[in-house]
């Protein structure tokens, strides 16, 4: 909400100073893009502890599932023998 109020105030300040409509539109678009990127970066830092926690949980549980590893190895062996036979 603060970003929206800033953009409205920014556009009003440009209108009062006599900037053209194209200049106002361009300035508002550039301001919106910069503020959206800054907001996403702020959200990333806010969510960083949760992202690290999820990554740690995935890292811990990834080694426990042996069926996925066996399936991957089986498929790799089958494709390797198929490639040898059909050269």
C-alpha atoms as a PDB file:
ATOM      1  CA  UNK A   1       0.000   0.000   0.000  1.00  0.00           C
ATOM      2  CA  UNK A   2       2.862   2.337   0.753  1.00  0.00           C
ATOM      3  CA  UNK A   3       4.247   1.788  -2.723  1.00  0.00           C
ATOM      4  CA  UNK A   4       0.937   2.765  -4.305  1.00  0.00           C
ATOM      5  CA  UNK A   5       0.749   5.955  -2.239  1.00  0.00           C
ATOM      6  CA  UNK A   6       4.328   6.778  -3.208  1.00  0.00           C
ATOM      7  CA  UNK A   7       3.544   6.348  -6.909  1.00  0.00           C
ATOM      8  CA  UNK A   8       0.440   8.535  -6.637  1.00  0.00           C
ATOM      9  CA  UNK A   9       2.406  11.231  -4.796  1.00  0.00           C
ATOM     10  CA  UNK A  10       5.231  10.932  -7.300  1.00  0.00           C
ATOM     11  CA  UNK A  11       2.821  11.363 -10.221  1.00  0.00           C
ATOM     12  CA  UNK A  12       1.144  14.345  -8.529  1.00  0.00           C
ATOM     13  CA  UNK A  13       4.514  15.994  -7.932  1.00  0.00           C
ATOM     14  CA  UNK A  14       5.368  15.564 -11.605  1.00  0.00           C
ATOM     15  CA  UNK A  15       1.990  16.991 -12.653  1.00  0.00           C
ATOM     16  CA  UNK A  16       2.418  20.026 -10.419  1.00  0.00           C
ATOM     17  CA  UNK A  17       5.917  20.722 -11.752  1.00  0.00           C
ATOM     18  CA  UNK A  18       4.646  20.666 -15.338  1.00  0.00           C
ATOM     19  CA  UNK A  19       6.107  17.461 -16.746  1.00  0.00           C
ATOM     20  CA  UNK A  20       4.394  16.127 -19.864  1.00  0.00           C
ATOM     21  CA  UNK A  21       1.957  13.212 -19.732  1.00  0.00           C
ATOM     22  CA  UNK A  22       4.398  10.917 -21.522  1.00  0.00           C
ATOM     23  CA  UNK A  23       7.129  11.818 -19.026  1.00  0.00           C
ATOM     24  CA  UNK A  24       4.778  11.201 -16.109  1.00  0.00           C
ATOM     25  CA  UNK A  25       3.714   7.839 -17.509  1.00  0.00           C
ATOM     26  CA  UNK A  26       7.324   6.778 -18.137  1.00  0.00           C
ATOM     27  CA  UNK A  27       8.399   7.894 -14.666  1.00  0.00           C
ATOM     28  CA  UNK A  28       5.518   6.023 -12.999  1.00  0.00           C
ATOM     29  CA  UNK A  29       6.295   2.847 -14.970  1.00  0.00           C
ATOM     30  CA  UNK A  30       9.988   2.999 -14.085  1.00  0.00           C
ATOM     31  CA  UNK A  31       9.139   3.747 -10.450  1.00  0.00           C
ATOM     32  CA  UNK A  32       6.725   0.816 -10.358  1.00  0.00           C
ATOM     33  CA  UNK A  33       9.319  -1.587 -11.776  1.00  0.00           C
ATOM     34  CA  UNK A  34      11.992  -0.457  -9.330  1.00  0.00           C
ATOM     35  CA  UNK A  35       9.639  -0.650  -6.359  1.00  0.00           C
ATOM     36  CA  UNK A  36       8.330  -4.080  -7.433  1.00  0.00           C
ATOM     37  CA  UNK A  37      11.879  -5.437  -7.631  1.00  0.00           C
ATOM     38  CA  UNK A  38      12.738  -3.904  -4.257  1.00  0.00           C
ATOM     39  CA  UNK A  39       9.578  -5.413  -2.754  1.00  0.00           C
ATOM     40  CA  UNK A  40      10.442  -8.861  -4.119  1.00  0.00           C
ATOM     41  CA  UNK A  41      13.957  -8.584  -2.721  1.00  0.00           C
ATOM     42  CA  UNK A  42      12.542  -7.548   0.657  1.00  0.00           C
ATOM     43  CA  UNK A  43      10.145 -10.504   0.605  1.00  0.00           C
ATOM     44  CA  UNK A  44      13.029 -12.827  -0.221  1.00  0.00           C
ATOM     45  CA  UNK A  45      14.969 -11.624   2.821  1.00  0.00           C
ATOM     46  CA  UNK A  46      11.857 -11.910   4.964  1.00  0.00           C
ATOM     47  CA  UNK A  47      11.258 -15.505   3.821  1.00  0.00           C
ATOM     48  CA  UNK A  48      14.943 -16.513   3.867  1.00  0.00           C
ATOM     49  CA  UNK A  49      14.812 -18.401   7.211  1.00  0.00           C
ATOM     50  CA  UNK A  50      11.891 -20.495   5.947  1.00  0.00           C
ATOM     51  CA  UNK A  51      13.624 -21.155   2.623  1.00  0.00           C
ATOM     52  CA  UNK A  52      16.744 -22.327   4.464  1.00  0.00           C
ATOM     53  CA  UNK A  53      14.627 -24.540   6.750  1.00  0.00           C
ATOM     54  CA  UNK A  54      12.842 -26.159   3.794  1.00  0.00           C
ATOM     55  CA  UNK A  55      16.177 -26.725   2.049  1.00  0.00           C
ATOM     56  CA  UNK A  56      17.620 -28.359   5.186  1.00  0.00           C
ATOM     57  CA  UNK A  57      14.598 -30.650   5.544  1.00  0.00           C
ATOM     58  CA  UNK A  58      14.818 -31.702   1.898  1.00  0.00           C
ATOM     59  CA  UNK A  59      18.566 -32.302   2.291  1.00  0.00           C
ATOM     60  CA  UNK A  60      17.988 -34.469   5.367  1.00  0.00           C
ATOM     61  CA  UNK A  61      15.175 -36.559   3.903  1.00  0.00           C
ATOM     62  CA  UNK A  62      16.629 -36.893   0.409  1.00  0.00           C
ATOM     63  CA  UNK A  63      19.026 -39.667   1.427  1.00  0.00           C
ATOM     64  CA  UNK A  64      16.350 -41.726   3.201  1.00  0.00           C
ATOM     65  CA  UNK A  65      14.424 -42.728   0.079  1.00  0.00           C
ATOM     66  CA  UNK A  66      16.387 -45.557  -1.530  1.00  0.00           C
ATOM     67  CA  UNK A  67      13.680 -46.489  -4.055  1.00  0.00           C
ATOM     68  CA  UNK A  68      14.243 -43.332  -6.102  1.00  0.00           C
ATOM     69  CA  UNK A  69      17.966 -44.007  -6.233  1.00  0.00           C
ATOM     70  CA  UNK A  70      17.395 -47.634  -7.268  1.00  0.00           C
ATOM     71  CA  UNK A  71      14.944 -46.560  -9.992  1.00  0.00           C
ATOM     72  CA  UNK A  72      17.371 -43.969 -11.328  1.00  0.00           C
ATOM     73  CA  UNK A  73      20.231 -46.483 -11.389  1.00  0.00           C
ATOM     74  CA  UNK A  74      18.039 -49.097 -13.078  1.00  0.00           C
ATOM     75  CA  UNK A  75      16.954 -46.650 -15.802  1.00  0.00           C
ATOM     76  CA  UNK A  76      20.536 -45.506 -16.307  1.00  0.00           C
ATOM     77  CA  UNK A  77      21.768 -49.090 -16.710  1.00  0.00           C
ATOM     78  CA  UNK A  78      18.953 -49.972 -19.122  1.00  0.00           C
ATOM     79  CA  UNK A  79      19.603 -46.934 -21.292  1.00  0.00           C
ATOM     80  CA  UNK A  80      23.345 -47.617 -21.313  1.00  0.00           C
ATOM     81  CA  UNK A  81      22.843 -51.207 -22.469  1.00  0.00           C
ATOM     82  CA  UNK A  82      20.300 -50.041 -25.077  1.00  0.00           C
ATOM     83  CA  UNK A  83      22.792 -47.537 -26.475  1.00  0.00           C
ATOM     84  CA  UNK A  84      25.509 -50.207 -26.658  1.00  0.00           C
ATOM     85  CA  UNK A  85      23.262 -52.638 -28.543  1.00  0.00           C
ATOM     86  CA  UNK A  86      21.951 -50.123 -31.064  1.00  0.00           C
ATOM     87  CA  UNK A  87      25.086 -48.406 -32.279  1.00  0.00           C
END
